[in-house]
Amino acid sequence: MGKEIAVLLGSPRRGGNTEQMADAFIRGAEKAGHRAVKIYAADRKADCVACGGCYSSEDRPCCRNADFNEIAPVLLRADGIVFATPLYWYDFPGKLKCLIDNMYCFYAAGKDLSHKKAAILSCGEETGNYMMFDGLQRSFELICRVAGWSIADQIYVPGVLEVGAIQRTDGLQRSEALGGHFFG
């Protein structure tokens, strides 16, 4: 039986390079018999204000954020989480980071998320800067360590800006292959 994967899309640009990587991953996962749910972080208001009201109502992880409360059940039941994100100032884009920050409510409520697999798919404009993904990579690895997630893989593709540039790289092939072997 297939597993469920939450794909958190950090790019506000629909159909762009990041979404193409996410779609390639999803194709691979679906071919392997898994189900993927794509969540557009840019379309959501999912910021945490550290109010301490996490799960003050059993059916609402966040006491003030309806968008996150729609996303939370998907994240809780998912067997895997994939961050598909462009590189913004050497890290996650703000909207995706806000969604990640809101995941704090799971820990505040003692929800166990440690059984999950995780991966990151990212592309960025620069070329020749071999450290350009270091900040994003470090953030991702620390999130996984704290959450207790095992890392399936990390795909970083430099030299990608205009829509379609990802097609001139091996990023789509690598993303689809990762989807196919994400759980094994």
C-alpha atoms as a PDB file:
ATOM      1  CA  MET A   1       0.000   0.000   0.000  1.00  0.00           C
ATOM      2  CA  GLY A   2       1.307   3.444  -0.919  1.00  0.00           C
ATOM      3  CA  LYS A   3       2.213   6.182   1.478  1.00  0.00           C
ATOM      4  CA  GLU A   4       1.221   9.843   1.627  1.00  0.00           C
ATOM      5  CA  ILE A   5       3.622  12.691   0.984  1.00  0.00           C
ATOM      6  CA  ALA A   6       2.981  16.366   1.704  1.00  0.00           C
ATOM      7  CA  VAL A   7       4.808  18.533  -0.843  1.00  0.00           C
ATOM      8  CA  LEU A   8       5.187  22.059   0.533  1.00  0.00           C
ATOM      9  CA  LEU A   9       5.679  24.407  -2.406  1.00  0.00           C
ATOM     10  CA  GLY A  10       7.487  27.609  -1.441  1.00  0.00           C
ATOM     11  CA  SER A  11       7.415  29.445  -4.758  1.00  0.00           C
ATOM     12  CA  PRO A  12       4.766  32.081  -5.457  1.00  0.00           C
ATOM     13  CA  ARG A  13       5.342  31.615  -9.202  1.00  0.00           C
ATOM     14  CA  ARG A  14       2.852  29.053 -10.558  1.00  0.00           C
ATOM     15  CA  GLY A  15       4.305  26.774 -13.212  1.00  0.00           C
ATOM     16  CA  GLY A  16       7.825  27.965 -12.458  1.00  0.00           C
ATOM     17  CA  ASN A  17      10.989  25.945 -12.043  1.00  0.00           C
ATOM     18  CA  THR A  18      10.302  24.968  -8.439  1.00  0.00           C
ATOM     19  CA  GLU A  19       6.797  23.760  -9.217  1.00  0.00           C
ATOM     20  CA  GLN A  20       8.164  21.802 -12.181  1.00  0.00           C
ATOM     21  CA  MET A  21      10.584  20.062  -9.786  1.00  0.00           C
ATOM     22  CA  ALA A  22       7.699  19.343  -7.392  1.00  0.00           C
ATOM     23  CA  ASP A  23       5.555  17.960 -10.216  1.00  0.00           C
ATOM     24  CA  ALA A  24       8.402  15.726 -11.390  1.00  0.00           C
ATOM     25  CA  PHE A  25       8.803  14.405  -7.833  1.00  0.00           C
ATOM     26  CA  ILE A  26       5.054  13.778  -7.623  1.00  0.00           C
ATOM     27  CA  ARG A  27       5.093  11.881 -10.946  1.00  0.00           C
ATOM     28  CA  GLY A  28       7.809   9.607  -9.621  1.00  0.00           C
ATOM     29  CA  ALA A  29       6.026   9.080  -6.302  1.00  0.00           C
ATOM     30  CA  GLU A  30       2.715   8.289  -7.987  1.00  0.00           C
ATOM     31  CA  LYS A  31       4.394   5.807 -10.364  1.00  0.00           C
ATOM     32  CA  ALA A  32       5.744   4.085  -7.234  1.00  0.00           C
ATOM     33  CA  GLY A  33       2.197   3.850  -5.831  1.00  0.00           C
ATOM     34  CA  HIS A  34       2.281   6.754  -3.386  1.00  0.00           C
ATOM     35  CA  ARG A  35      -0.065   9.717  -3.032  1.00  0.00           C
ATOM     36  CA  ALA A  36       1.249  13.275  -2.948  1.00  0.00           C
ATOM     37  CA  VAL A  37      -0.595  16.374  -1.763  1.00  0.00           C
ATOM     38  CA  LYS A  38       0.786  19.691  -2.995  1.00  0.00           C
ATOM     39  CA  ILE A  39       0.388  22.642  -0.620  1.00  0.00           C
ATOM     40  CA  TYR A  40       1.058  26.147  -1.948  1.00  0.00           C
ATOM     41  CA  ALA A  41       2.600  28.073   0.943  1.00  0.00           C
ATOM     42  CA  ALA A  42       2.421  31.358  -0.989  1.00  0.00           C
ATOM     43  CA  ASP A  43      -1.378  31.096  -1.070  1.00  0.00           C
ATOM     44  CA  ARG A  44      -1.671  30.614   2.683  1.00  0.00           C
ATOM     45  CA  LYS A  45      -1.534  32.780   5.748  1.00  0.00           C
ATOM     46  CA  ALA A  46       0.206  30.458   8.145  1.00  0.00           C
ATOM     47  CA  ASP A  47       2.284  32.627  10.435  1.00  0.00           C
ATOM     48  CA  CYS A  48       2.912  31.856  14.087  1.00  0.00           C
ATOM     49  CA  VAL A  49       2.764  34.703  16.613  1.00  0.00           C
ATOM     50  CA  ALA A  50       3.840  32.590  19.611  1.00  0.00           C
ATOM     51  CA  CYS A  51       0.553  33.229  21.418  1.00  0.00           C
ATOM     52  CA  GLY A  52       0.615  29.867  23.208  1.00  0.00           C
ATOM     53  CA  GLY A  53      -2.900  28.915  22.081  1.00  0.00           C
ATOM     54  CA  CYS A  54      -1.788  25.767  20.273  1.00  0.00           C
ATOM     55  CA  TYR A  55      -4.483  23.086  20.437  1.00  0.00           C
ATOM     56  CA  SER A  56      -6.514  25.120  22.922  1.00  0.00           C
ATOM     57  CA  SER A  57      -9.379  23.509  21.031  1.00  0.00           C
ATOM     58  CA  GLU A  58      -8.741  19.837  20.192  1.00  0.00           C
ATOM     59  CA  ASP A  59      -9.840  20.207  16.572  1.00  0.00           C
ATOM     60  CA  ARG A  60      -7.783  23.352  15.908  1.00  0.00           C
ATOM     61  CA  PRO A  61      -3.979  23.151  16.062  1.00  0.00           C
ATOM     62  CA  CYS A  62      -3.715  26.938  15.802  1.00  0.00           C
ATOM     63  CA  CYS A  63      -6.182  29.098  17.725  1.00  0.00           C
ATOM     64  CA  ARG A  64      -5.926  31.976  15.233  1.00  0.00           C
ATOM     65  CA  ASN A  65      -4.981  30.613  11.834  1.00  0.00           C
ATOM     66  CA  ALA A  66      -7.634  28.905   9.688  1.00  0.00           C
ATOM     67  CA  ASP A  67      -5.217  28.302   6.798  1.00  0.00           C
ATOM     68  CA  PHE A  68      -2.792  26.373   8.963  1.00  0.00           C
ATOM     69  CA  ASN A  69      -5.650  24.389  10.489  1.00  0.00           C
ATOM     70  CA  GLU A  70      -6.521  23.145   6.980  1.00  0.00           C
ATOM     71  CA  ILE A  71      -2.891  22.140   6.339  1.00  0.00           C
ATOM     72  CA  ALA A  72      -2.188  20.572   9.748  1.00  0.00           C
ATOM     73  CA  PRO A  73      -4.110  17.285   9.236  1.00  0.00           C
ATOM     74  CA  VAL A  74      -2.262  16.691   5.959  1.00  0.00           C
ATOM     75  CA  LEU A  75       1.094  17.221   7.688  1.00  0.00           C
ATOM     76  CA  LEU A  76       0.173  15.011  10.635  1.00  0.00           C
ATOM     77  CA  ARG A  77      -0.954  12.032   8.556  1.00  0.00           C
ATOM     78  CA  ALA A  78       1.769  12.296   5.901  1.00  0.00           C
ATOM     79  CA  ASP A  79       4.492   9.683   5.927  1.00  0.00           C
ATOM     80  CA  GLY A  80       6.832  12.126   4.211  1.00  0.00           C
ATOM     81  CA  ILE A  81       7.324  15.852   3.785  1.00  0.00           C
ATOM     82  CA  VAL A  82       9.052  17.422   0.798  1.00  0.00           C
ATOM     83  CA  PHE A  83      10.080  21.054   0.727  1.00  0.00           C
ATOM     84  CA  ALA A  84      10.032  22.311  -2.877  1.00  0.00           C
ATOM     85  CA  THR A  85      11.453  25.793  -2.701  1.00  0.00           C
ATOM     86  CA  PRO A  86      13.291  28.432  -4.638  1.00  0.00           C
ATOM     87  CA  LEU A  87      16.307  29.945  -2.964  1.00  0.00           C
ATOM     88  CA  TYR A  88      15.434  33.394  -1.543  1.00  0.00           C
ATOM     89  CA  TRP A  89      18.375  35.237  -0.020  1.00  0.00           C
ATOM     90  CA  TYR A  90      20.086  31.889   0.662  1.00  0.00           C
ATOM     91  CA  ASP A  91      17.183  30.392   2.613  1.00  0.00           C
ATOM     92  CA  PHE A  92      13.468  29.516   2.509  1.00  0.00           C
ATOM     93  CA  PRO A  93      11.023  32.115   1.099  1.00  0.00           C
ATOM     94  CA  GLY A  94       9.105  33.925   3.846  1.00  0.00           C
ATOM     95  CA  LYS A  95       5.686  32.316   3.262  1.00  0.00           C
ATOM     96  CA  LEU A  96       7.138  28.812   3.450  1.00  0.00           C
ATOM     97  CA  LYS A  97       9.148  29.719   6.534  1.00  0.00           C
ATOM     98  CA  CYS A  98       5.961  31.010   8.189  1.00  0.00           C
ATOM     99  CA  LEU A  99       4.271  27.671   7.515  1.00  0.00           C
ATOM    100  CA  ILE A 100       7.289  25.836   8.953  1.00  0.00           C
ATOM    101  CA  ASP A 101       7.210  28.088  12.027  1.00  0.00           C
ATOM    102  CA  ASN A 102       3.531  27.271  12.566  1.00  0.00           C
ATOM    103  CA  MET A 103       4.460  23.577  12.841  1.00  0.00           C
ATOM    104  CA  TYR A 104       5.586  24.468  16.361  1.00  0.00           C
ATOM    105  CA  CYS A 105       2.012  23.816  17.479  1.00  0.00           C
ATOM    106  CA  PHE A 106       2.584  20.082  16.956  1.00  0.00           C
ATOM    107  CA  TYR A 107       5.437  20.093  19.454  1.00  0.00           C
ATOM    108  CA  ALA A 108       3.572  22.315  21.894  1.00  0.00           C
ATOM    109  CA  ALA A 109       0.798  19.704  21.889  1.00  0.00           C
ATOM    110  CA  GLY A 110       3.151  16.719  22.105  1.00  0.00           C
ATOM    111  CA  LYS A 111       2.310  15.371  18.632  1.00  0.00           C
ATOM    112  CA  ASP A 112       4.859  12.814  17.443  1.00  0.00           C
ATOM    113  CA  LEU A 113       6.076  13.589  13.933  1.00  0.00           C
ATOM    114  CA  SER A 114       9.328  11.643  14.176  1.00  0.00           C
ATOM    115  CA  HIS A 115       8.333   8.779  11.860  1.00  0.00           C
ATOM    116  CA  LYS A 116       8.505  10.905   8.707  1.00  0.00           C
ATOM    117  CA  LYS A 117      10.903  10.992   5.775  1.00  0.00           C
ATOM    118  CA  ALA A 118      11.885  14.329   4.315  1.00  0.00           C
ATOM    119  CA  ALA A 119      13.526  15.781   1.245  1.00  0.00           C
ATOM    120  CA  ILE A 120      14.226  19.164  -0.256  1.00  0.00           C
ATOM    121  CA  LEU A 121      14.079  20.222  -3.899  1.00  0.00           C
ATOM    122  CA  SER A 122      15.516  23.664  -4.592  1.00  0.00           C
ATOM    123  CA  CYS A 123      16.746  25.771  -7.448  1.00  0.00           C
ATOM    124  CA  GLY A 124      18.415  29.153  -7.482  1.00  0.00           C
ATOM    125  CA  GLU A 125      19.668  31.766  -9.898  1.00  0.00           C
ATOM    126  CA  GLU A 126      23.368  32.010  -9.144  1.00  0.00           C
ATOM    127  CA  THR A 127      26.097  30.032 -10.820  1.00  0.00           C
ATOM    128  CA  GLY A 128      29.664  29.643  -9.665  1.00  0.00           C
ATOM    129  CA  ASN A 129      28.778  30.239  -5.999  1.00  0.00           C
ATOM    130  CA  TYR A 130      29.200  26.745  -4.625  1.00  0.00           C
ATOM    131  CA  MET A 131      28.038  27.820  -1.184  1.00  0.00           C
ATOM    132  CA  MET A 132      24.777  29.411  -2.324  1.00  0.00           C
ATOM    133  CA  PHE A 133      22.594  26.612  -0.906  1.00  0.00           C
ATOM    134  CA  ASP A 134      24.513  26.288   2.391  1.00  0.00           C
ATOM    135  CA  GLY A 135      22.052  28.352   4.478  1.00  0.00           C
ATOM    136  CA  LEU A 136      19.011  26.546   3.104  1.00  0.00           C
ATOM    137  CA  GLN A 137      20.671  23.164   3.454  1.00  0.00           C
ATOM    138  CA  ARG A 138      21.679  23.827   7.049  1.00  0.00           C
ATOM    139  CA  SER A 139      18.170  25.040   7.946  1.00  0.00           C
ATOM    140  CA  PHE A 140      16.607  21.975   6.337  1.00  0.00           C
ATOM    141  CA  GLU A 141      18.983  19.570   8.088  1.00  0.00           C
ATOM    142  CA  LEU A 142      18.383  21.196  11.482  1.00  0.00           C
ATOM    143  CA  ILE A 143      14.594  21.078  10.996  1.00  0.00           C
ATOM    144  CA  CYS A 144      14.881  17.365  10.205  1.00  0.00           C
ATOM    145  CA  ARG A 145      17.133  16.715  13.199  1.00  0.00           C
ATOM    146  CA  VAL A 146      14.826  18.477  15.644  1.00  0.00           C
ATOM    147  CA  ALA A 147      11.720  16.840  14.144  1.00  0.00           C
ATOM    148  CA  GLY A 148      13.346  13.392  14.088  1.00  0.00           C
ATOM    149  CA  TRP A 149      12.817  13.021  10.335  1.00  0.00           C
ATOM    150  CA  SER A 150      15.109  10.900   8.210  1.00  0.00           C
ATOM    151  CA  ILE A 151      16.408  12.634   5.104  1.00  0.00           C
ATOM    152  CA  ALA A 152      15.696  10.774   1.868  1.00  0.00           C
ATOM    153  CA  ASP A 153      17.689  13.192  -0.304  1.00  0.00           C
ATOM    154  CA  GLN A 154      18.496  16.817  -1.071  1.00  0.00           C
ATOM    155  CA  ILE A 155      18.424  18.176  -4.612  1.00  0.00           C
ATOM    156  CA  TYR A 156      19.914  21.613  -5.271  1.00  0.00           C
ATOM    157  CA  VAL A 157      20.075  23.051  -8.795  1.00  0.00           C
ATOM    158  CA  PRO A 158      22.012  26.287  -9.478  1.00  0.00           C
ATOM    159  CA  GLY A 159      21.786  28.529 -12.540  1.00  0.00           C
ATOM    160  CA  VAL A 160      17.990  28.539 -12.763  1.00  0.00           C
ATOM    161  CA  LEU A 161      15.929  31.745 -12.980  1.00  0.00           C
ATOM    162  CA  GLU A 162      13.610  32.225 -15.963  1.00  0.00           C
ATOM    163  CA  VAL A 163      10.649  29.857 -16.243  1.00  0.00           C
ATOM    164  CA  GLY A 164      11.760  26.700 -18.011  1.00  0.00           C
ATOM    165  CA  ALA A 165      15.449  27.014 -17.164  1.00  0.00           C
ATOM    166  CA  ILE A 166      15.142  23.892 -14.997  1.00  0.00           C
ATOM    167  CA  GLN A 167      14.577  21.925 -18.211  1.00  0.00           C
ATOM    168  CA  ARG A 168      18.177  22.613 -19.255  1.00  0.00           C
ATOM    169  CA  THR A 169      19.444  20.803 -16.147  1.00  0.00           C
ATOM    170  CA  ASP A 170      19.085  17.318 -14.713  1.00  0.00           C
ATOM    171  CA  GLY A 171      16.880  18.689 -11.894  1.00  0.00           C
ATOM    172  CA  LEU A 172      13.602  17.293 -13.202  1.00  0.00           C
ATOM    173  CA  GLN A 173      15.041  13.833 -13.803  1.00  0.00           C
ATOM    174  CA  ARG A 174      16.626  13.774 -10.349  1.00  0.00           C
ATOM    175  CA  SER A 175      13.369  14.964  -8.740  1.00  0.00           C
ATOM    176  CA  GLU A 176      11.287  12.303 -10.503  1.00  0.00           C
ATOM    177  CA  ALA A 177      13.795   9.592  -9.576  1.00  0.00           C
ATOM    178  CA  LEU A 178      13.668  10.719  -5.941  1.00  0.00           C
ATOM    179  CA  GLY A 179       9.882  10.476  -5.988  1.00  0.00           C
ATOM    180  CA  GLY A 180      10.204   6.887  -7.190  1.00  0.00           C
ATOM    181  CA  HIS A 181      12.561   5.787  -4.431  1.00  0.00           C
ATOM    182  CA  PHE A 182      11.585   8.202  -1.641  1.00  0.00           C
ATOM    183  CA  PHE A 183      10.576   5.406   0.756  1.00  0.00           C
ATOM    184  CA  GLY A 184      13.154   2.850  -0.153  1.00  0.00           C
END
